[in-house]
Amino acid sequence: MQNFTLHTHNNELRFDGMADAKTMISSAQEKGFSTIGVTNHLLVNEALEFDAQNEPMYFNDFNKATDTYLRHIEILENLKSQFNIDIKIGFECDFFTSPKWRNNFEKMIQKLPINYLIGSNHFLKSKDESFLCNIYHMKKLEKQPSPEDLHDYTINHFKNIIECIKSGYFTFIAHLDYCTIFNYGADERYNDLKLEIIETLIKTKTPFELNTSGYDRVNVPHPHPWMLDILAKDNTVPIIISDDAHDPSRIGKYFDKAESLLKELNYTNRFTLDMLKTKF
């Protein structure tokens, strides 16, 4: 069974985990993992005014975000000598398509001494990003989008994932169909976009995760097994099992179930630790 976990969160500084980094790392070590990667959210966009007002880990200023991320890295570096487990440092980064965002992001990442980046998308958005809202916050909006707008925003969500893969920034891509747990993009109208995501992974050979958190939420992992089946038949894209752990009890949860599914699908192309890298 995979003996490392590379997608975890904690509650230091502004982040959304349920325990501090020391507790999370201790849990992984006690469970016999060789390596833990700490990947709190990297969420920066000038248009994140609503989200930034509701959650402290959202930033609309790259300089303030950089200062926080550097302090977070320092906390983790200071913990390394206290453990036998190998500690890797990364971020789960929400990708945006605008040239201005990409320019600011590239400058920021060069200042952060990290081992890897996970690409993800937690937002519904308009094409020009004039509307941009984390899926968690959609129900908090004073004015809900029309069904037609919501359909467009969901299409843009999936297109954003495709561009995220194409960017080449990321070591692997997180929870490809994450939005479906909120009942966005779950029906067959969006299957062509999901197939395009699969095709883009295959074309670029970009690794992706089997995220076990879906077993608790919707009784299947992310991505859905039908998507995994297609990727397994191709078997050219490395897959990593992730727990997306926000508390110690989640570390390694359902890894055995994920391993059984991958064995059933004959998915043999597995992500290994020597694939950890950053573009920058």
C-alpha atoms as a PDB file:
ATOM      1  CA  MET A   1       0.000   0.000   0.000  1.00  0.00           C
ATOM      2  CA  GLN A   2       1.178   3.550  -0.680  1.00  0.00           C
ATOM      3  CA  ASN A   3       3.143   4.573   2.423  1.00  0.00           C
ATOM      4  CA  PHE A   4       3.195   8.334   1.946  1.00  0.00           C
ATOM      5  CA  THR A   5       0.596  11.076   1.975  1.00  0.00           C
ATOM      6  CA  LEU A   6       1.136  14.340   0.108  1.00  0.00           C
ATOM      7  CA  HIS A   7      -2.155  16.222   0.439  1.00  0.00           C
ATOM      8  CA  THR A   8      -2.722  17.404   4.025  1.00  0.00           C
ATOM      9  CA  HIS A   9      -3.779  20.585   5.793  1.00  0.00           C
ATOM     10  CA  ASN A  10      -3.337  22.125   9.234  1.00  0.00           C
ATOM     11  CA  ASN A  11      -4.615  25.127  11.186  1.00  0.00           C
ATOM     12  CA  GLU A  12      -1.489  27.226  11.647  1.00  0.00           C
ATOM     13  CA  LEU A  13      -1.823  30.886  10.732  1.00  0.00           C
ATOM     14  CA  ARG A  14      -4.801  31.353   8.404  1.00  0.00           C
ATOM     15  CA  PHE A  15      -5.469  27.793   7.220  1.00  0.00           C
ATOM     16  CA  ASP A  16      -8.492  25.510   7.426  1.00  0.00           C
ATOM     17  CA  GLY A  17      -7.162  22.340   9.050  1.00  0.00           C
ATOM     18  CA  MET A  18      -8.483  21.051  12.369  1.00  0.00           C
ATOM     19  CA  ALA A  19      -5.105  20.484  14.077  1.00  0.00           C
ATOM     20  CA  ASP A  20      -1.659  22.011  14.095  1.00  0.00           C
ATOM     21  CA  ALA A  21       1.149  20.773  11.863  1.00  0.00           C
ATOM     22  CA  LYS A  22       2.935  18.967  14.690  1.00  0.00           C
ATOM     23  CA  THR A  23      -0.168  16.911  15.460  1.00  0.00           C
ATOM     24  CA  MET A  24      -0.747  16.059  11.799  1.00  0.00           C
ATOM     25  CA  ILE A  25       2.863  15.019  11.277  1.00  0.00           C
ATOM     26  CA  SER A  26       2.832  12.950  14.491  1.00  0.00           C
ATOM     27  CA  SER A  27      -0.254  11.112  13.284  1.00  0.00           C
ATOM     28  CA  ALA A  28       1.354  10.244   9.953  1.00  0.00           C
ATOM     29  CA  GLN A  29       4.496   9.017  11.701  1.00  0.00           C
ATOM     30  CA  GLU A  30       2.477   6.897  14.151  1.00  0.00           C
ATOM     31  CA  LYS A  31       0.612   5.318  11.241  1.00  0.00           C
ATOM     32  CA  GLY A  32       3.881   4.225   9.667  1.00  0.00           C
ATOM     33  CA  PHE A  33       4.071   6.616   6.742  1.00  0.00           C
ATOM     34  CA  SER A  34       7.532   7.282   5.334  1.00  0.00           C
ATOM     35  CA  THR A  35       6.656  10.792   4.133  1.00  0.00           C
ATOM     36  CA  ILE A  36       4.050  13.460   4.772  1.00  0.00           C
ATOM     37  CA  GLY A  37       3.526  16.470   2.567  1.00  0.00           C
ATOM     38  CA  VAL A  38       1.901  19.557   4.083  1.00  0.00           C
ATOM     39  CA  THR A  39      -0.068  21.433   1.440  1.00  0.00           C
ATOM     40  CA  ASN A  40      -2.206  24.192   2.881  1.00  0.00           C
ATOM     41  CA  HIS A  41      -4.275  26.241   0.466  1.00  0.00           C
ATOM     42  CA  LEU A  42      -2.682  28.848  -1.750  1.00  0.00           C
ATOM     43  CA  LEU A  43      -5.637  31.092  -2.583  1.00  0.00           C
ATOM     44  CA  VAL A  44      -4.730  34.466  -4.042  1.00  0.00           C
ATOM     45  CA  ASN A  45      -6.652  36.557  -6.539  1.00  0.00           C
ATOM     46  CA  GLU A  46      -7.413  40.266  -6.644  1.00  0.00           C
ATOM     47  CA  ALA A  47     -11.078  39.430  -7.254  1.00  0.00           C
ATOM     48  CA  LEU A  48     -11.455  37.413  -4.025  1.00  0.00           C
ATOM     49  CA  GLU A  49     -13.062  40.235  -2.059  1.00  0.00           C
ATOM     50  CA  PHE A  50     -16.148  38.264  -0.979  1.00  0.00           C
ATOM     51  CA  ASP A  51     -14.166  35.150  -0.080  1.00  0.00           C
ATOM     52  CA  ALA A  52     -11.447  37.157   1.681  1.00  0.00           C
ATOM     53  CA  GLN A  53     -14.087  38.789   3.884  1.00  0.00           C
ATOM     54  CA  ASN A  54     -15.497  35.405   4.905  1.00  0.00           C
ATOM     55  CA  GLU A  55     -12.375  33.283   5.391  1.00  0.00           C
ATOM     56  CA  PRO A  56      -8.922  34.440   6.530  1.00  0.00           C
ATOM     57  CA  MET A  57      -6.967  32.041   4.289  1.00  0.00           C
ATOM     58  CA  TYR A  58      -8.162  33.838   1.145  1.00  0.00           C
ATOM     59  CA  PHE A  59      -5.995  36.674  -0.121  1.00  0.00           C
ATOM     60  CA  ASN A  60      -6.537  39.424  -2.674  1.00  0.00           C
ATOM     61  CA  ASP A  61      -3.004  40.762  -2.186  1.00  0.00           C
ATOM     62  CA  PHE A  62      -0.008  38.739  -3.396  1.00  0.00           C
ATOM     63  CA  ASN A  63       2.454  40.475  -1.069  1.00  0.00           C
ATOM     64  CA  LYS A  64       0.428  39.742   2.063  1.00  0.00           C
ATOM     65  CA  ALA A  65      -0.082  36.173   0.897  1.00  0.00           C
ATOM     66  CA  THR A  66       3.640  35.697   0.303  1.00  0.00           C
ATOM     67  CA  ASP A  67       4.473  36.892   3.820  1.00  0.00           C
ATOM     68  CA  THR A  68       2.018  34.406   5.330  1.00  0.00           C
ATOM     69  CA  TYR A  69       3.239  31.524   3.184  1.00  0.00           C
ATOM     70  CA  LEU A  70       6.862  32.205   4.130  1.00  0.00           C
ATOM     71  CA  ARG A  71       5.957  32.158   7.839  1.00  0.00           C
ATOM     72  CA  HIS A  72       4.115  28.894   7.288  1.00  0.00           C
ATOM     73  CA  ILE A  73       7.148  27.339   5.587  1.00  0.00           C
ATOM     74  CA  GLU A  74       9.331  28.477   8.496  1.00  0.00           C
ATOM     75  CA  ILE A  75       7.042  26.695  10.969  1.00  0.00           C
ATOM     76  CA  LEU A  76       7.356  23.463   9.009  1.00  0.00           C
ATOM     77  CA  GLU A  77      11.121  23.742   8.590  1.00  0.00           C
ATOM     78  CA  ASN A  78      11.485  24.139  12.363  1.00  0.00           C
ATOM     79  CA  LEU A  79       9.501  20.930  12.915  1.00  0.00           C
ATOM     80  CA  LYS A  80      11.663  18.717  10.706  1.00  0.00           C
ATOM     81  CA  SER A  81      14.305  17.991  13.364  1.00  0.00           C
ATOM     82  CA  GLN A  82      11.616  16.717  15.754  1.00  0.00           C
ATOM     83  CA  PHE A  83      10.506  13.794  13.586  1.00  0.00           C
ATOM     84  CA  ASN A  84      11.854  10.703  11.883  1.00  0.00           C
ATOM     85  CA  ILE A  85       9.272  10.960   9.111  1.00  0.00           C
ATOM     86  CA  ASP A  86      10.298  12.870   5.978  1.00  0.00           C
ATOM     87  CA  ILE A  87       8.411  16.175   5.775  1.00  0.00           C
ATOM     88  CA  LYS A  88       7.773  17.733   2.377  1.00  0.00           C
ATOM     89  CA  ILE A  89       6.417  21.244   1.944  1.00  0.00           C
ATOM     90  CA  GLY A  90       4.011  22.253  -0.786  1.00  0.00           C
ATOM     91  CA  PHE A  91       0.777  24.090  -1.425  1.00  0.00           C
ATOM     92  CA  GLU A  92      -2.595  23.188  -2.879  1.00  0.00           C
ATOM     93  CA  CYS A  93      -2.940  26.041  -5.319  1.00  0.00           C
ATOM     94  CA  ASP A  94      -6.109  27.322  -6.944  1.00  0.00           C
ATOM     95  CA  PHE A  95      -5.238  28.135 -10.540  1.00  0.00           C
ATOM     96  CA  PHE A  96      -6.645  31.114 -12.439  1.00  0.00           C
ATOM     97  CA  THR A  97      -6.311  31.815 -16.130  1.00  0.00           C
ATOM     98  CA  SER A  98      -5.736  35.551 -16.444  1.00  0.00           C
ATOM     99  CA  PRO A  99      -2.264  36.622 -17.636  1.00  0.00           C
ATOM    100  CA  LYS A 100      -2.010  39.094 -14.741  1.00  0.00           C
ATOM    101  CA  TRP A 101      -2.705  36.364 -12.186  1.00  0.00           C
ATOM    102  CA  ARG A 102      -0.207  34.007 -13.795  1.00  0.00           C
ATOM    103  CA  ASN A 103       2.475  36.692 -13.821  1.00  0.00           C
ATOM    104  CA  ASN A 104       1.937  37.498 -10.131  1.00  0.00           C
ATOM    105  CA  PHE A 105       1.766  33.810  -9.244  1.00  0.00           C
ATOM    106  CA  GLU A 106       5.023  32.986 -11.011  1.00  0.00           C
ATOM    107  CA  LYS A 107       6.824  35.822  -9.227  1.00  0.00           C
ATOM    108  CA  MET A 108       5.437  34.727  -5.861  1.00  0.00           C
ATOM    109  CA  ILE A 109       6.274  31.042  -6.238  1.00  0.00           C
ATOM    110  CA  GLN A 110       9.902  31.832  -6.977  1.00  0.00           C
ATOM    111  CA  LYS A 111      10.120  33.313  -3.458  1.00  0.00           C
ATOM    112  CA  LEU A 112       8.740  30.203  -1.737  1.00  0.00           C
ATOM    113  CA  PRO A 113      11.176  27.332  -0.961  1.00  0.00           C
ATOM    114  CA  ILE A 114       8.835  24.392  -1.524  1.00  0.00           C
ATOM    115  CA  ASN A 115       9.038  20.829  -2.819  1.00  0.00           C
ATOM    116  CA  TYR A 116       5.932  20.717  -4.996  1.00  0.00           C
ATOM    117  CA  LEU A 117       2.580  22.230  -5.946  1.00  0.00           C
ATOM    118  CA  ILE A 118      -0.840  20.617  -6.232  1.00  0.00           C
ATOM    119  CA  GLY A 119      -3.150  22.152  -8.817  1.00  0.00           C
ATOM    120  CA  SER A 120      -6.805  22.500  -7.901  1.00  0.00           C
ATOM    121  CA  ASN A 121      -9.990  24.460  -8.488  1.00  0.00           C
ATOM    122  CA  HIS A 122     -12.530  25.267  -5.777  1.00  0.00           C
ATOM    123  CA  PHE A 123     -14.309  28.083  -7.636  1.00  0.00           C
ATOM    124  CA  LEU A 124     -17.245  28.751  -9.878  1.00  0.00           C
ATOM    125  CA  LYS A 125     -16.481  31.654 -12.180  1.00  0.00           C
ATOM    126  CA  SER A 126     -17.457  33.687 -15.175  1.00  0.00           C
ATOM    127  CA  LYS A 127     -15.168  33.529 -18.172  1.00  0.00           C
ATOM    128  CA  ASP A 128     -13.612  36.924 -17.416  1.00  0.00           C
ATOM    129  CA  GLU A 129     -13.506  36.189 -13.641  1.00  0.00           C
ATOM    130  CA  SER A 130     -15.711  39.197 -12.891  1.00  0.00           C
ATOM    131  CA  PHE A 131     -17.777  36.638 -10.963  1.00  0.00           C
ATOM    132  CA  LEU A 132     -15.583  34.426  -8.802  1.00  0.00           C
ATOM    133  CA  CYS A 133     -16.764  32.522  -5.754  1.00  0.00           C
ATOM    134  CA  ASN A 134     -15.525  29.521  -3.839  1.00  0.00           C
ATOM    135  CA  ILE A 135     -18.059  26.721  -4.081  1.00  0.00           C
ATOM    136  CA  TYR A 136     -18.252  26.578  -0.268  1.00  0.00           C
ATOM    137  CA  HIS A 137     -19.495  30.163  -0.240  1.00  0.00           C
ATOM    138  CA  MET A 138     -22.045  29.982  -3.046  1.00  0.00           C
ATOM    139  CA  LYS A 139     -24.974  29.541  -0.639  1.00  0.00           C
ATOM    140  CA  LYS A 140     -23.860  32.632   1.280  1.00  0.00           C
ATOM    141  CA  LEU A 141     -24.237  34.959  -1.690  1.00  0.00           C
ATOM    142  CA  GLU A 142     -26.962  37.574  -1.187  1.00  0.00           C
ATOM    143  CA  LYS A 143     -28.010  37.205  -4.812  1.00  0.00           C
ATOM    144  CA  GLN A 144     -27.915  33.732  -6.267  1.00  0.00           C
ATOM    145  CA  PRO A 145     -26.959  33.356  -9.956  1.00  0.00           C
ATOM    146  CA  SER A 146     -29.627  32.406 -12.472  1.00  0.00           C
ATOM    147  CA  PRO A 147     -29.706  28.771 -13.644  1.00  0.00           C
ATOM    148  CA  GLU A 148     -28.252  29.894 -16.987  1.00  0.00           C
ATOM    149  CA  ASP A 149     -25.376  31.738 -15.299  1.00  0.00           C
ATOM    150  CA  LEU A 150     -24.775  28.844 -12.931  1.00  0.00           C
ATOM    151  CA  HIS A 151     -24.489  26.498 -15.902  1.00  0.00           C
ATOM    152  CA  ASP A 152     -21.925  28.805 -17.501  1.00  0.00           C
ATOM    153  CA  TYR A 153     -19.979  29.124 -14.250  1.00  0.00           C
ATOM    154  CA  THR A 154     -19.863  25.322 -13.932  1.00  0.00           C
ATOM    155  CA  ILE A 155     -18.618  24.969 -17.501  1.00  0.00           C
ATOM    156  CA  ASN A 156     -15.893  27.495 -16.705  1.00  0.00           C
ATOM    157  CA  HIS A 157     -14.994  25.524 -13.572  1.00  0.00           C
ATOM    158  CA  PHE A 158     -14.192  22.460 -15.663  1.00  0.00           C
ATOM    159  CA  LYS A 159     -12.449  24.505 -18.362  1.00  0.00           C
ATOM    160  CA  ASN A 160     -10.304  26.037 -15.636  1.00  0.00           C
ATOM    161  CA  ILE A 161      -9.164  22.557 -14.597  1.00  0.00           C
ATOM    162  CA  ILE A 162      -8.178  21.836 -18.198  1.00  0.00           C
ATOM    163  CA  GLU A 163      -6.087  25.014 -18.318  1.00  0.00           C
ATOM    164  CA  CYS A 164      -4.635  24.174 -14.916  1.00  0.00           C
ATOM    165  CA  ILE A 165      -3.361  20.873 -16.309  1.00  0.00           C
ATOM    166  CA  LYS A 166      -2.015  22.530 -19.456  1.00  0.00           C
ATOM    167  CA  SER A 167      -0.121  25.163 -17.439  1.00  0.00           C
ATOM    168  CA  GLY A 168       2.579  22.703 -16.424  1.00  0.00           C
ATOM    169  CA  TYR A 169       2.900  24.389 -13.014  1.00  0.00           C
ATOM    170  CA  PHE A 170       1.778  21.463 -10.915  1.00  0.00           C
ATOM    171  CA  THR A 171       3.231  18.195  -9.668  1.00  0.00           C
ATOM    172  CA  PHE A 172      -0.209  16.624  -9.656  1.00  0.00           C
ATOM    173  CA  ILE A 173      -3.847  17.685  -9.963  1.00  0.00           C
ATOM    174  CA  ALA A 174      -6.349  17.383  -7.110  1.00  0.00           C
ATOM    175  CA  HIS A 175      -9.934  16.019  -6.985  1.00  0.00           C
ATOM    176  CA  LEU A 176     -10.893  16.424 -10.667  1.00  0.00           C
ATOM    177  CA  ASP A 177     -14.665  16.392 -10.077  1.00  0.00           C
ATOM    178  CA  TYR A 178     -14.690  17.991  -6.621  1.00  0.00           C
ATOM    179  CA  CYS A 179     -17.614  20.280  -7.501  1.00  0.00           C
ATOM    180  CA  THR A 180     -19.999  17.324  -7.748  1.00  0.00           C
ATOM    181  CA  ILE A 181     -20.162  16.927  -3.953  1.00  0.00           C
ATOM    182  CA  PHE A 182     -22.036  20.243  -3.956  1.00  0.00           C
ATOM    183  CA  ASN A 183     -24.266  19.019  -6.793  1.00  0.00           C
ATOM    184  CA  TYR A 184     -22.569  21.216  -9.381  1.00  0.00           C
ATOM    185  CA  GLY A 185     -21.557  19.535 -12.617  1.00  0.00           C
ATOM    186  CA  ALA A 186     -22.855  16.156 -11.522  1.00  0.00           C
ATOM    187  CA  ASP A 187     -25.217  15.452 -14.417  1.00  0.00           C
ATOM    188  CA  GLU A 188     -24.382  14.110 -17.860  1.00  0.00           C
ATOM    189  CA  ARG A 189     -24.362  17.543 -19.503  1.00  0.00           C
ATOM    190  CA  TYR A 190     -20.802  17.958 -18.225  1.00  0.00           C
ATOM    191  CA  ASN A 191     -19.420  14.567 -19.203  1.00  0.00           C
ATOM    192  CA  ASP A 192     -17.819  15.905 -22.381  1.00  0.00           C
ATOM    193  CA  LEU A 193     -15.837  18.386 -20.293  1.00  0.00           C
ATOM    194  CA  LYS A 194     -14.792  15.623 -17.906  1.00  0.00           C
ATOM    195  CA  LEU A 195     -13.663  13.591 -20.906  1.00  0.00           C
ATOM    196  CA  GLU A 196     -11.659  16.597 -22.081  1.00  0.00           C
ATOM    197  CA  ILE A 197     -10.000  16.728 -18.656  1.00  0.00           C
ATOM    198  CA  ILE A 198      -9.082  13.062 -19.054  1.00  0.00           C
ATOM    199  CA  GLU A 199      -7.756  13.641 -22.570  1.00  0.00           C
ATOM    200  CA  THR A 200      -5.657  16.577 -21.352  1.00  0.00           C
ATOM    201  CA  LEU A 201      -4.154  14.481 -18.555  1.00  0.00           C
ATOM    202  CA  ILE A 202      -3.261  11.780 -21.058  1.00  0.00           C
ATOM    203  CA  LYS A 203      -1.813  14.214 -23.572  1.00  0.00           C
ATOM    204  CA  THR A 204       0.332  16.030 -20.996  1.00  0.00           C
ATOM    205  CA  LYS A 205       1.041  12.974 -18.799  1.00  0.00           C
ATOM    206  CA  THR A 206       0.248  15.128 -15.767  1.00  0.00           C
ATOM    207  CA  PRO A 207      -0.186  13.043 -12.580  1.00  0.00           C
ATOM    208  CA  PHE A 208      -3.476  13.297 -10.700  1.00  0.00           C
ATOM    209  CA  GLU A 209      -4.870  12.099  -7.413  1.00  0.00           C
ATOM    210  CA  LEU A 210      -7.450   9.602  -6.318  1.00  0.00           C
ATOM    211  CA  ASN A 211      -8.880  11.648  -3.461  1.00  0.00           C
ATOM    212  CA  THR A 212     -10.382   9.398  -0.786  1.00  0.00           C
ATOM    213  CA  SER A 213     -12.343  12.189   0.927  1.00  0.00           C
ATOM    214  CA  GLY A 214     -15.151  11.499  -1.525  1.00  0.00           C
ATOM    215  CA  TYR A 215     -15.870   8.174   0.184  1.00  0.00           C
ATOM    216  CA  ASP A 216     -17.196  10.065   3.209  1.00  0.00           C
ATOM    217  CA  ARG A 217     -19.046  12.687   1.203  1.00  0.00           C
ATOM    218  CA  VAL A 218     -20.606  10.858  -1.766  1.00  0.00           C
ATOM    219  CA  ASN A 219     -19.471   7.240  -1.247  1.00  0.00           C
ATOM    220  CA  VAL A 220     -17.088   7.343  -4.212  1.00  0.00           C
ATOM    221  CA  PRO A 221     -13.630   8.875  -4.606  1.00  0.00           C
ATOM    222  CA  HIS A 222     -12.642  11.864  -6.714  1.00  0.00           C
ATOM    223  CA  PRO A 223     -12.575  11.415  -9.622  1.00  0.00           C
ATOM    224  CA  HIS A 224     -15.584   9.160 -10.081  1.00  0.00           C
ATOM    225  CA  PRO A 225     -14.723   5.525 -10.906  1.00  0.00           C
ATOM    226  CA  TRP A 226     -15.975   5.900 -14.498  1.00  0.00           C
ATOM    227  CA  MET A 227     -13.296   8.519 -15.068  1.00  0.00           C
ATOM    228  CA  LEU A 228     -10.700   6.347 -13.323  1.00  0.00           C
ATOM    229  CA  ASP A 229     -11.677   3.423 -15.532  1.00  0.00           C
ATOM    230  CA  ILE A 230     -10.866   5.366 -18.706  1.00  0.00           C
ATOM    231  CA  LEU A 231      -7.548   6.550 -17.304  1.00  0.00           C
ATOM    232  CA  ALA A 232      -6.742   3.021 -16.125  1.00  0.00           C
ATOM    233  CA  LYS A 233      -7.300   1.604 -19.589  1.00  0.00           C
ATOM    234  CA  ASP A 234      -4.784   4.134 -20.927  1.00  0.00           C
ATOM    235  CA  ASN A 235      -2.482   3.636 -17.912  1.00  0.00           C
ATOM    236  CA  THR A 236       0.054   6.279 -19.037  1.00  0.00           C
ATOM    237  CA  VAL A 237      -0.774   8.903 -16.400  1.00  0.00           C
ATOM    238  CA  PRO A 238       0.658   8.420 -12.879  1.00  0.00           C
ATOM    239  CA  ILE A 239      -1.936   8.304 -10.117  1.00  0.00           C
ATOM    240  CA  ILE A 240      -1.419   9.114  -6.442  1.00  0.00           C
ATOM    241  CA  ILE A 241      -3.738   8.286  -3.552  1.00  0.00           C
ATOM    242  CA  SER A 242      -4.546  11.333  -1.404  1.00  0.00           C
ATOM    243  CA  ASP A 243      -6.482  11.587   1.837  1.00  0.00           C
ATOM    244  CA  ASP A 244      -6.873  15.392   1.689  1.00  0.00           C
ATOM    245  CA  ALA A 245      -6.595  15.183   5.467  1.00  0.00           C
ATOM    246  CA  HIS A 246      -7.734  18.221   7.445  1.00  0.00           C
ATOM    247  CA  ASP A 247      -7.535  16.397  10.777  1.00  0.00           C
ATOM    248  CA  PRO A 248      -5.341  13.576  12.155  1.00  0.00           C
ATOM    249  CA  SER A 249      -8.038  10.902  11.892  1.00  0.00           C
ATOM    250  CA  ARG A 250      -8.224  11.407   8.125  1.00  0.00           C
ATOM    251  CA  ILE A 251      -4.558  10.640   7.432  1.00  0.00           C
ATOM    252  CA  GLY A 252      -4.452   7.469   5.384  1.00  0.00           C
ATOM    253  CA  LYS A 253      -8.213   7.004   5.628  1.00  0.00           C
ATOM    254  CA  TYR A 254      -9.593   4.706   2.921  1.00  0.00           C
ATOM    255  CA  PHE A 255      -6.142   4.108   1.404  1.00  0.00           C
ATOM    256  CA  ASP A 256      -6.903   0.363   1.573  1.00  0.00           C
ATOM    257  CA  LYS A 257     -10.183   0.917  -0.268  1.00  0.00           C
ATOM    258  CA  ALA A 258      -8.418   3.023  -2.904  1.00  0.00           C
ATOM    259  CA  GLU A 259      -5.739   0.373  -3.356  1.00  0.00           C
ATOM    260  CA  SER A 260      -8.435  -2.260  -3.912  1.00  0.00           C
ATOM    261  CA  LEU A 261     -10.114  -0.087  -6.536  1.00  0.00           C
ATOM    262  CA  LEU A 262      -6.851   0.519  -8.390  1.00  0.00           C
ATOM    263  CA  LYS A 263      -6.120  -3.214  -8.319  1.00  0.00           C
ATOM    264  CA  GLU A 264      -9.605  -3.938  -9.668  1.00  0.00           C
ATOM    265  CA  LEU A 265      -9.047  -1.420 -12.487  1.00  0.00           C
ATOM    266  CA  ASN A 266      -5.514  -2.727 -13.081  1.00  0.00           C
ATOM    267  CA  TYR A 267      -4.199   0.817 -12.697  1.00  0.00           C
ATOM    268  CA  THR A 268      -0.466   0.149 -12.339  1.00  0.00           C
ATOM    269  CA  ASN A 269       1.082   3.521 -13.229  1.00  0.00           C
ATOM    270  CA  ARG A 270       1.689   4.912  -9.745  1.00  0.00           C
ATOM    271  CA  PHE A 271       3.113   8.222  -8.615  1.00  0.00           C
ATOM    272  CA  THR A 272       6.411   7.902  -6.739  1.00  0.00           C
ATOM    273  CA  LEU A 273       8.246  10.318  -4.486  1.00  0.00           C
ATOM    274  CA  ASP A 274      10.989  10.858  -7.022  1.00  0.00           C
ATOM    275  CA  MET A 275       8.367  12.588  -9.183  1.00  0.00           C
ATOM    276  CA  LEU A 276       8.133  15.478  -6.715  1.00  0.00           C
ATOM    277  CA  LYS A 277       9.208  18.684  -8.410  1.00  0.00           C
ATOM    278  CA  THR A 278       8.421  22.307  -9.013  1.00  0.00           C
ATOM    279  CA  LYS A 279       8.619  24.141 -12.312  1.00  0.00           C
ATOM    280  CA  PHE A 280      10.188  27.170 -10.658  1.00  0.00           C
END
